[in-house]
Structures are given as C-alpha cells and as structure tokens.
mmCIF file of all heavy atoms, coordinates in Angstrom:
data_MODEL
# 
_entry.id   MODEL 
# 
loop_
_atom_site.group_PDB 
_atom_site.id 
_atom_site.type_symbol 
_atom_site.label_atom_id 
_atom_site.label_alt_id 
_atom_site.label_comp_id 
_atom_site.label_asym_id 
_atom_site.label_entity_id 
_atom_site.label_seq_id 
_atom_site.pdbx_PDB_ins_code 
_atom_site.Cartn_x 
_atom_site.Cartn_y 
_atom_site.Cartn_z 
_atom_site.occupancy 
_atom_site.B_iso_or_equiv 
_atom_site.pdbx_formal_charge 
_atom_site.auth_seq_id 
_atom_site.auth_comp_id 
_atom_site.auth_asym_id 
_atom_site.auth_atom_id 
_atom_site.pdbx_PDB_model_num 
ATOM 1   N N   . ASN A 1 1  ? -84.985 107.842 28.338 1.00 0.00 ? 1  ASN A N   1 
ATOM 2   C CA  . ASN A 1 1  ? -85.430 106.573 29.037 1.00 0.00 ? 1  ASN A CA  1 
ATOM 3   C C   . ASN A 1 1  ? -86.643 106.056 28.442 1.00 0.00 ? 1  ASN A C   1 
ATOM 4   O O   . ASN A 1 1  ? -86.783 104.785 28.320 1.00 0.00 ? 1  ASN A O   1 
ATOM 5   C CB  . ASN A 1 1  ? -85.648 106.887 30.440 1.00 0.00 ? 1  ASN A CB  1 
ATOM 6   C CG  . ASN A 1 1  ? -84.297 107.226 31.270 1.00 0.00 ? 1  ASN A CG  1 
ATOM 7   O OD1 . ASN A 1 1  ? -83.360 106.855 30.798 1.00 0.00 ? 1  ASN A OD1 1 
ATOM 8   N ND2 . ASN A 1 1  ? -84.554 107.821 32.376 1.00 0.00 ? 1  ASN A ND2 1 
ATOM 9   N N   . ARG A 1 2  ? -87.611 106.812 27.959 1.00 0.00 ? 2  ARG A N   1 
ATOM 10  C CA  . ARG A 1 2  ? -88.795 106.310 27.287 1.00 0.00 ? 2  ARG A CA  1 
ATOM 11  C C   . ARG A 1 2  ? -88.467 105.411 25.993 1.00 0.00 ? 2  ARG A C   1 
ATOM 12  O O   . ARG A 1 2  ? -89.004 104.436 25.752 1.00 0.00 ? 2  ARG A O   1 
ATOM 13  C CB  . ARG A 1 2  ? -89.680 107.442 26.985 1.00 0.00 ? 2  ARG A CB  1 
ATOM 14  C CG  . ARG A 1 2  ? -90.941 107.019 26.219 1.00 0.00 ? 2  ARG A CG  1 
ATOM 15  C CD  . ARG A 1 2  ? -91.854 106.101 26.886 1.00 0.00 ? 2  ARG A CD  1 
ATOM 16  N NE  . ARG A 1 2  ? -92.881 105.724 25.989 1.00 0.00 ? 2  ARG A NE  1 
ATOM 17  C CZ  . ARG A 1 2  ? -94.213 105.616 26.361 1.00 0.00 ? 2  ARG A CZ  1 
ATOM 18  N NH1 . ARG A 1 2  ? -94.466 105.903 27.621 1.00 0.00 ? 2  ARG A NH1 1 
ATOM 19  N NH2 . ARG A 1 2  ? -95.064 105.207 25.502 1.00 0.00 ? 2  ARG A NH2 1 
ATOM 20  N N   . GLU A 1 3  ? -87.642 106.053 25.232 1.00 0.00 ? 3  GLU A N   1 
ATOM 21  C CA  . GLU A 1 3  ? -87.156 105.386 23.981 1.00 0.00 ? 3  GLU A CA  1 
ATOM 22  C C   . GLU A 1 3  ? -86.413 104.072 24.299 1.00 0.00 ? 3  GLU A C   1 
ATOM 23  O O   . GLU A 1 3  ? -86.679 103.027 23.595 1.00 0.00 ? 3  GLU A O   1 
ATOM 24  C CB  . GLU A 1 3  ? -86.237 106.362 23.251 1.00 0.00 ? 3  GLU A CB  1 
ATOM 25  C CG  . GLU A 1 3  ? -87.037 107.580 22.548 1.00 0.00 ? 3  GLU A CG  1 
ATOM 26  C CD  . GLU A 1 3  ? -86.080 108.616 21.971 1.00 0.00 ? 3  GLU A CD  1 
ATOM 27  O OE1 . GLU A 1 3  ? -85.026 108.859 22.428 1.00 0.00 ? 3  GLU A OE1 1 
ATOM 28  O OE2 . GLU A 1 3  ? -86.616 109.176 20.999 1.00 0.00 ? 3  GLU A OE2 1 
ATOM 29  N N   . LEU A 1 4  ? -85.580 104.097 25.324 1.00 0.00 ? 4  LEU A N   1 
ATOM 30  C CA  . LEU A 1 4  ? -84.952 102.855 25.690 1.00 0.00 ? 4  LEU A CA  1 
ATOM 31  C C   . LEU A 1 4  ? -85.903 101.805 26.089 1.00 0.00 ? 4  LEU A C   1 
ATOM 32  O O   . LEU A 1 4  ? -85.734 100.599 25.828 1.00 0.00 ? 4  LEU A O   1 
ATOM 33  C CB  . LEU A 1 4  ? -83.935 103.159 26.781 1.00 0.00 ? 4  LEU A CB  1 
ATOM 34  C CG  . LEU A 1 4  ? -82.543 103.903 26.339 1.00 0.00 ? 4  LEU A CG  1 
ATOM 35  C CD1 . LEU A 1 4  ? -81.830 104.350 27.612 1.00 0.00 ? 4  LEU A CD1 1 
ATOM 36  C CD2 . LEU A 1 4  ? -81.800 103.013 25.485 1.00 0.00 ? 4  LEU A CD2 1 
ATOM 37  N N   . ASP A 1 5  ? -86.953 102.268 26.964 1.00 0.00 ? 5  ASP A N   1 
ATOM 38  C CA  . ASP A 1 5  ? -87.959 101.434 27.384 1.00 0.00 ? 5  ASP A CA  1 
ATOM 39  C C   . ASP A 1 5  ? -88.704 100.766 26.284 1.00 0.00 ? 5  ASP A C   1 
ATOM 40  O O   . ASP A 1 5  ? -89.067 99.568  26.263 1.00 0.00 ? 5  ASP A O   1 
ATOM 41  C CB  . ASP A 1 5  ? -88.894 102.111 28.329 1.00 0.00 ? 5  ASP A CB  1 
ATOM 42  C CG  . ASP A 1 5  ? -89.836 101.165 29.065 1.00 0.00 ? 5  ASP A CG  1 
ATOM 43  O OD1 . ASP A 1 5  ? -89.476 100.158 29.433 1.00 0.00 ? 5  ASP A OD1 1 
ATOM 44  O OD2 . ASP A 1 5  ? -91.042 101.471 29.000 1.00 0.00 ? 5  ASP A OD2 1 
ATOM 45  N N   . ASP A 1 6  ? -88.926 101.553 25.196 1.00 0.00 ? 6  ASP A N   1 
ATOM 46  C CA  . ASP A 1 6  ? -89.644 100.986 24.008 1.00 0.00 ? 6  ASP A CA  1 
ATOM 47  C C   . ASP A 1 6  ? -88.786 100.020 23.249 1.00 0.00 ? 6  ASP A C   1 
ATOM 48  O O   . ASP A 1 6  ? -89.359 99.026  22.668 1.00 0.00 ? 6  ASP A O   1 
ATOM 49  C CB  . ASP A 1 6  ? -89.886 102.045 22.940 1.00 0.00 ? 6  ASP A CB  1 
ATOM 50  C CG  . ASP A 1 6  ? -91.041 103.164 23.369 1.00 0.00 ? 6  ASP A CG  1 
ATOM 51  O OD1 . ASP A 1 6  ? -91.740 102.716 24.392 1.00 0.00 ? 6  ASP A OD1 1 
ATOM 52  O OD2 . ASP A 1 6  ? -91.082 104.182 22.780 1.00 0.00 ? 6  ASP A OD2 1 
ATOM 53  N N   . LEU A 1 7  ? -87.498 100.067 23.509 1.00 0.00 ? 7  LEU A N   1 
ATOM 54  C CA  . LEU A 1 7  ? -86.518 98.956  22.976 1.00 0.00 ? 7  LEU A CA  1 
ATOM 55  C C   . LEU A 1 7  ? -86.400 97.820  23.887 1.00 0.00 ? 7  LEU A C   1 
ATOM 56  O O   . LEU A 1 7  ? -85.827 96.837  23.546 1.00 0.00 ? 7  LEU A O   1 
ATOM 57  C CB  . LEU A 1 7  ? -85.162 99.576  22.591 1.00 0.00 ? 7  LEU A CB  1 
ATOM 58  C CG  . LEU A 1 7  ? -85.203 100.663 21.522 1.00 0.00 ? 7  LEU A CG  1 
ATOM 59  C CD1 . LEU A 1 7  ? -83.808 101.231 21.434 1.00 0.00 ? 7  LEU A CD1 1 
ATOM 60  C CD2 . LEU A 1 7  ? -85.655 100.098 20.150 1.00 0.00 ? 7  LEU A CD2 1 
ATOM 61  N N   . GLY A 1 8  ? -86.969 97.963  25.082 1.00 0.00 ? 8  GLY A N   1 
ATOM 62  C CA  . GLY A 1 8  ? -86.780 96.864  26.037 1.00 0.00 ? 8  GLY A CA  1 
ATOM 63  C C   . GLY A 1 8  ? -85.531 96.941  26.887 1.00 0.00 ? 8  GLY A C   1 
ATOM 64  O O   . GLY A 1 8  ? -85.063 95.872  27.295 1.00 0.00 ? 8  GLY A O   1 
ATOM 65  N N   . LEU A 1 9  ? -84.923 98.201  26.936 1.00 0.00 ? 9  LEU A N   1 
ATOM 66  C CA  . LEU A 1 9  ? -83.621 98.314  27.464 1.00 0.00 ? 9  LEU A CA  1 
ATOM 67  C C   . LEU A 1 9  ? -83.753 99.296  28.728 1.00 0.00 ? 9  LEU A C   1 
ATOM 68  O O   . LEU A 1 9  ? -84.524 100.153 28.594 1.00 0.00 ? 9  LEU A O   1 
ATOM 69  C CB  . LEU A 1 9  ? -82.616 98.886  26.548 1.00 0.00 ? 9  LEU A CB  1 
ATOM 70  C CG  . LEU A 1 9  ? -82.202 98.026  25.286 1.00 0.00 ? 9  LEU A CG  1 
ATOM 71  C CD1 . LEU A 1 9  ? -81.387 98.824  24.346 1.00 0.00 ? 9  LEU A CD1 1 
ATOM 72  C CD2 . LEU A 1 9  ? -81.639 96.689  25.752 1.00 0.00 ? 9  LEU A CD2 1 
ATOM 73  N N   . SER A 1 10 ? -82.828 99.208  29.630 1.00 0.00 ? 10 SER A N   1 
ATOM 74  C CA  . SER A 1 10 ? -82.558 100.190 30.581 1.00 0.00 ? 10 SER A CA  1 
ATOM 75  C C   . SER A 1 10 ? -81.263 100.833 30.494 1.00 0.00 ? 10 SER A C   1 
ATOM 76  O O   . SER A 1 10 ? -80.351 100.277 29.757 1.00 0.00 ? 10 SER A O   1 
ATOM 77  C CB  . SER A 1 10 ? -82.776 99.647  32.141 1.00 0.00 ? 10 SER A CB  1 
ATOM 78  O OG  . SER A 1 10 ? -81.712 98.718  32.308 1.00 0.00 ? 10 SER A OG  1 
ATOM 79  N N   . ARG A 1 11 ? -81.172 101.963 31.005 1.00 0.00 ? 11 ARG A N   1 
ATOM 80  C CA  . ARG A 1 11 ? -79.783 102.713 30.823 1.00 0.00 ? 11 ARG A CA  1 
ATOM 81  C C   . ARG A 1 11 ? -78.648 101.838 31.341 1.00 0.00 ? 11 ARG A C   1 
ATOM 82  O O   . ARG A 1 11 ? -77.531 101.914 30.728 1.00 0.00 ? 11 ARG A O   1 
ATOM 83  C CB  . ARG A 1 11 ? -79.914 103.984 31.515 1.00 0.00 ? 11 ARG A CB  1 
ATOM 84  C CG  . ARG A 1 11 ? -78.950 105.063 31.100 1.00 0.00 ? 11 ARG A CG  1 
ATOM 85  C CD  . ARG A 1 11 ? -79.364 106.425 31.245 1.00 0.00 ? 11 ARG A CD  1 
ATOM 86  N NE  . ARG A 1 11 ? -80.405 106.877 30.553 1.00 0.00 ? 11 ARG A NE  1 
ATOM 87  C CZ  . ARG A 1 11 ? -80.427 107.295 29.333 1.00 0.00 ? 11 ARG A CZ  1 
ATOM 88  N NH1 . ARG A 1 11 ? -79.286 107.197 28.605 1.00 0.00 ? 11 ARG A NH1 1 
ATOM 89  N NH2 . ARG A 1 11 ? -81.471 107.699 28.639 1.00 0.00 ? 11 ARG A NH2 1 
ATOM 90  N N   . SER A 1 12 ? -78.840 100.988 32.367 1.00 0.00 ? 12 SER A N   1 
ATOM 91  C CA  . SER A 1 12 ? -77.828 100.263 32.899 1.00 0.00 ? 12 SER A CA  1 
ATOM 92  C C   . SER A 1 12 ? -77.377 99.099  31.962 1.00 0.00 ? 12 SER A C   1 
ATOM 93  O O   . SER A 1 12 ? -76.244 98.511  32.191 1.00 0.00 ? 12 SER A O   1 
ATOM 94  C CB  . SER A 1 12 ? -78.219 99.654  34.327 1.00 0.00 ? 12 SER A CB  1 
ATOM 95  O OG  . SER A 1 12 ? -79.277 98.907  34.062 1.00 0.00 ? 12 SER A OG  1 
ATOM 96  N N   . GLU A 1 13 ? -78.162 98.775  30.903 1.00 0.00 ? 13 GLU A N   1 
ATOM 97  C CA  . GLU A 1 13 ? -77.879 97.650  30.027 1.00 0.00 ? 13 GLU A CA  1 
ATOM 98  C C   . GLU A 1 13 ? -77.065 98.200  28.763 1.00 0.00 ? 13 GLU A C   1 
ATOM 99  O O   . GLU A 1 13 ? -76.632 97.380  27.963 1.00 0.00 ? 13 GLU A O   1 
ATOM 100 C CB  . GLU A 1 13 ? -79.111 96.956  29.515 1.00 0.00 ? 13 GLU A CB  1 
ATOM 101 C CG  . GLU A 1 13 ? -79.819 96.367  30.651 1.00 0.00 ? 13 GLU A CG  1 
ATOM 102 C CD  . GLU A 1 13 ? -81.207 95.831  30.128 1.00 0.00 ? 13 GLU A CD  1 
ATOM 103 O OE1 . GLU A 1 13 ? -82.022 96.581  29.923 1.00 0.00 ? 13 GLU A OE1 1 
ATOM 104 O OE2 . GLU A 1 13 ? -81.267 94.548  30.263 1.00 0.00 ? 13 GLU A OE2 1 
ATOM 105 N N   . ILE A 1 14 ? -76.847 99.463  28.631 1.00 0.00 ? 14 ILE A N   1 
ATOM 106 C CA  . ILE A 1 14 ? -76.276 99.971  27.443 1.00 0.00 ? 14 ILE A CA  1 
ATOM 107 C C   . ILE A 1 14 ? -74.865 99.442  27.163 1.00 0.00 ? 14 ILE A C   1 
ATOM 108 O O   . ILE A 1 14 ? -74.677 98.918  26.136 1.00 0.00 ? 14 ILE A O   1 
ATOM 109 C CB  . ILE A 1 14 ? -76.185 101.561 27.520 1.00 0.00 ? 14 ILE A CB  1 
ATOM 110 C CG1 . ILE A 1 14 ? -77.578 102.154 27.359 1.00 0.00 ? 14 ILE A CG1 1 
ATOM 111 C CG2 . ILE A 1 14 ? -75.203 102.082 26.404 1.00 0.00 ? 14 ILE A CG2 1 
ATOM 112 C CD1 . ILE A 1 14 ? -77.677 103.631 27.502 1.00 0.00 ? 14 ILE A CD1 1 
ATOM 113 N N   . GLU A 1 15 ? -73.988 99.415  28.208 1.00 0.00 ? 15 GLU A N   1 
ATOM 114 C CA  . GLU A 1 15 ? -72.666 98.875  27.883 1.00 0.00 ? 15 GLU A CA  1 
ATOM 115 C C   . GLU A 1 15 ? -72.552 97.390  27.541 1.00 0.00 ? 15 GLU A C   1 
ATOM 116 O O   . GLU A 1 15 ? -71.940 96.994  26.633 1.00 0.00 ? 15 GLU A O   1 
ATOM 117 C CB  . GLU A 1 15 ? -71.739 99.184  29.137 1.00 0.00 ? 15 GLU A CB  1 
ATOM 118 C CG  . GLU A 1 15 ? -71.500 100.697 29.266 1.00 0.00 ? 15 GLU A CG  1 
ATOM 119 C CD  . GLU A 1 15 ? -70.530 100.908 30.333 1.00 0.00 ? 15 GLU A CD  1 
ATOM 120 O OE1 . GLU A 1 15 ? -69.795 99.909  30.812 1.00 0.00 ? 15 GLU A OE1 1 
ATOM 121 O OE2 . GLU A 1 15 ? -70.347 102.056 30.786 1.00 0.00 ? 15 GLU A OE2 1 
ATOM 122 N N   . PHE A 1 16 ? -73.552 96.669  28.164 1.00 0.00 ? 16 PHE A N   1 
ATOM 123 C CA  . PHE A 1 16 ? -73.724 95.255  27.826 1.00 0.00 ? 16 PHE A CA  1 
ATOM 124 C C   . PHE A 1 16 ? -74.147 95.024  26.395 1.00 0.00 ? 16 PHE A C   1 
ATOM 125 O O   . PHE A 1 16 ? -73.514 94.228  25.665 1.00 0.00 ? 16 PHE A O   1 
ATOM 126 C CB  . PHE A 1 16 ? -74.659 94.469  28.757 1.00 0.00 ? 16 PHE A CB  1 
ATOM 127 C CG  . PHE A 1 16 ? -74.874 93.154  28.434 1.00 0.00 ? 16 PHE A CG  1 
ATOM 128 C CD1 . PHE A 1 16 ? -73.996 92.127  28.765 1.00 0.00 ? 16 PHE A CD1 1 
ATOM 129 C CD2 . PHE A 1 16 ? -76.190 92.694  27.807 1.00 0.00 ? 16 PHE A CD2 1 
ATOM 130 C CE1 . PHE A 1 16 ? -74.312 90.804  28.335 1.00 0.00 ? 16 PHE A CE1 1 
ATOM 131 C CE2 . PHE A 1 16 ? -76.314 91.401  27.415 1.00 0.00 ? 16 PHE A CE2 1 
ATOM 132 C CZ  . PHE A 1 16 ? -75.455 90.424  27.682 1.00 0.00 ? 16 PHE A CZ  1 
ATOM 133 N N   . VAL A 1 17 ? -75.147 95.753  25.990 1.00 0.00 ? 17 VAL A N   1 
ATOM 134 C CA  . VAL A 1 17 ? -75.614 95.694  24.596 1.00 0.00 ? 17 VAL A CA  1 
ATOM 135 C C   . VAL A 1 17 ? -74.573 96.118  23.660 1.00 0.00 ? 17 VAL A C   1 
ATOM 136 O O   . VAL A 1 17 ? -74.358 95.350  22.699 1.00 0.00 ? 17 VAL A O   1 
ATOM 137 C CB  . VAL A 1 17 ? -76.947 96.568  24.439 1.00 0.00 ? 17 VAL A CB  1 
ATOM 138 C CG1 . VAL A 1 17 ? -77.309 96.582  22.979 1.00 0.00 ? 17 VAL A CG1 1 
ATOM 139 C CG2 . VAL A 1 17 ? -78.077 95.949  25.265 1.00 0.00 ? 17 VAL A CG2 1 
ATOM 140 N N   . ALA A 1 18 ? -73.813 97.103  24.022 1.00 0.00 ? 18 ALA A N   1 
ATOM 141 C CA  . ALA A 1 18 ? -72.819 97.622  23.134 1.00 0.00 ? 18 ALA A CA  1 
ATOM 142 C C   . ALA A 1 18 ? -71.677 96.619  22.987 1.00 0.00 ? 18 ALA A C   1 
ATOM 143 O O   . ALA A 1 18 ? -71.085 96.398  21.846 1.00 0.00 ? 18 ALA A O   1 
ATOM 144 C CB  . ALA A 1 18 ? -72.095 98.912  23.600 1.00 0.00 ? 18 ALA A CB  1 
ATOM 145 N N   . ARG A 1 19 ? -71.268 95.931  24.172 1.00 0.00 ? 19 ARG A N   1 
ATOM 146 C CA  . ARG A 1 19 ? -70.213 94.910  24.026 1.00 0.00 ? 19 ARG A CA  1 
ATOM 147 C C   . ARG A 1 19 ? -70.643 93.712  23.092 1.00 0.00 ? 19 ARG A C   1 
ATOM 148 O O   . ARG A 1 19 ? -70.014 93.203  22.297 1.00 0.00 ? 19 ARG A O   1 
ATOM 149 C CB  . ARG A 1 19 ? -69.838 94.389  25.364 1.00 0.00 ? 19 ARG A CB  1 
ATOM 150 C CG  . ARG A 1 19 ? -68.728 95.201  26.000 1.00 0.00 ? 19 ARG A CG  1 
ATOM 151 C CD  . ARG A 1 19 ? -68.235 94.437  27.331 1.00 0.00 ? 19 ARG A CD  1 
ATOM 152 N NE  . ARG A 1 19 ? -68.719 95.500  28.464 1.00 0.00 ? 19 ARG A NE  1 
ATOM 153 C CZ  . ARG A 1 19 ? -69.604 95.258  29.316 1.00 0.00 ? 19 ARG A CZ  1 
ATOM 154 N NH1 . ARG A 1 19 ? -70.270 94.072  29.402 1.00 0.00 ? 19 ARG A NH1 1 
ATOM 155 N NH2 . ARG A 1 19 ? -69.852 96.194  30.285 1.00 0.00 ? 19 ARG A NH2 1 
ATOM 156 N N   . SER A 1 20 ? -71.989 93.305  23.368 1.00 0.00 ? 20 SER A N   1 
ATOM 157 C CA  . SER A 1 20 ? -72.573 92.257  22.547 1.00 0.00 ? 20 SER A CA  1 
ATOM 158 C C   . SER A 1 20 ? -72.498 92.569  21.104 1.00 0.00 ? 20 SER A C   1 
ATOM 159 O O   . SER A 1 20 ? -72.189 91.730  20.210 1.00 0.00 ? 20 SER A O   1 
ATOM 160 C CB  . SER A 1 20 ? -73.968 91.932  22.967 1.00 0.00 ? 20 SER A CB  1 
ATOM 161 O OG  . SER A 1 20 ? -73.965 91.479  24.316 1.00 0.00 ? 20 SER A OG  1 
ATOM 162 N N   . HIS A 1 21 ? -72.877 93.908  20.781 1.00 0.00 ? 21 HIS A N   1 
ATOM 163 C CA  . HIS A 1 21 ? -72.932 94.289  19.437 1.00 0.00 ? 21 HIS A CA  1 
ATOM 164 C C   . HIS A 1 21 ? -71.591 94.338  18.761 1.00 0.00 ? 21 HIS A C   1 
ATOM 165 O O   . HIS A 1 21 ? -71.293 93.892  17.671 1.00 0.00 ? 21 HIS A O   1 
ATOM 166 C CB  . HIS A 1 21 ? -73.709 95.632  19.223 1.00 0.00 ? 21 HIS A CB  1 
ATOM 167 C CG  . HIS A 1 21 ? -73.587 96.226  17.881 1.00 0.00 ? 21 HIS A CG  1 
ATOM 168 N ND1 . HIS A 1 21 ? -74.373 95.779  16.836 1.00 0.00 ? 21 HIS A ND1 1 
ATOM 169 C CD2 . HIS A 1 21 ? -72.918 97.200  17.334 1.00 0.00 ? 21 HIS A CD2 1 
ATOM 170 C CE1 . HIS A 1 21 ? -74.141 96.438  15.840 1.00 0.00 ? 21 HIS A CE1 1 
ATOM 171 N NE2 . HIS A 1 21 ? -73.203 97.457  16.050 1.00 0.00 ? 21 HIS A NE2 1 
ATOM 172 N N   . ALA A 1 22 ? -70.618 94.771  19.477 1.00 0.00 ? 22 ALA A N   1 
ATOM 173 C CA  . ALA A 1 22 ? -69.237 94.978  19.007 1.00 0.00 ? 22 ALA A CA  1 
ATOM 174 C C   . ALA A 1 22 ? -68.549 93.584  18.754 1.00 0.00 ? 22 ALA A C   1 
ATOM 175 O O   . ALA A 1 22 ? -67.805 93.509  17.915 1.00 0.00 ? 22 ALA A O   1 
ATOM 176 C CB  . ALA A 1 22 ? -68.364 95.740  20.001 1.00 0.00 ? 22 ALA A CB  1 
ATOM 177 N N   . ALA A 1 23 ? -69.011 92.614  19.511 1.00 0.00 ? 23 ALA A N   1 
ATOM 178 C CA  . ALA A 1 23 ? -68.403 91.186  19.281 1.00 0.00 ? 23 ALA A CA  1 
ATOM 179 C C   . ALA A 1 23 ? -68.960 90.474  18.131 1.00 0.00 ? 23 ALA A C   1 
ATOM 180 O O   . ALA A 1 23 ? -68.430 89.631  17.644 1.00 0.00 ? 23 ALA A O   1 
ATOM 181 C CB  . ALA A 1 23 ? -68.823 90.414  20.577 1.00 0.00 ? 23 ALA A CB  1 
ATOM 182 N N   . ALA A 1 24 ? -70.080 90.997  17.735 1.00 0.00 ? 24 ALA A N   1 
ATOM 183 C CA  . ALA A 1 24 ? -70.907 90.358  16.527 1.00 0.00 ? 24 ALA A CA  1 
ATOM 184 C C   . ALA A 1 24 ? -70.140 90.531  15.256 1.00 0.00 ? 24 ALA A C   1 
ATOM 185 O O   . ALA A 1 24 ? -69.340 91.344  15.021 1.00 0.00 ? 24 ALA A O   1 
ATOM 186 C CB  . ALA A 1 24 ? -72.284 90.717  16.450 1.00 0.00 ? 24 ALA A CB  1 
# 
C-alpha cells in the first residue's frame, strides 16, 4: 500500500489503471 501511495494510486484503482494501460 505504501508503494502504491508513492505512485499516487490506491488498491481500488489497480483495475482501472490496468485497463487504461492495456488500451494504450
């Protein structure tokens, strides 16, 4: 959670970020 926070992400955003990355 600390590493995700350093990236400006929360655990609940992982799937959204992954979908955005896959679409790129």
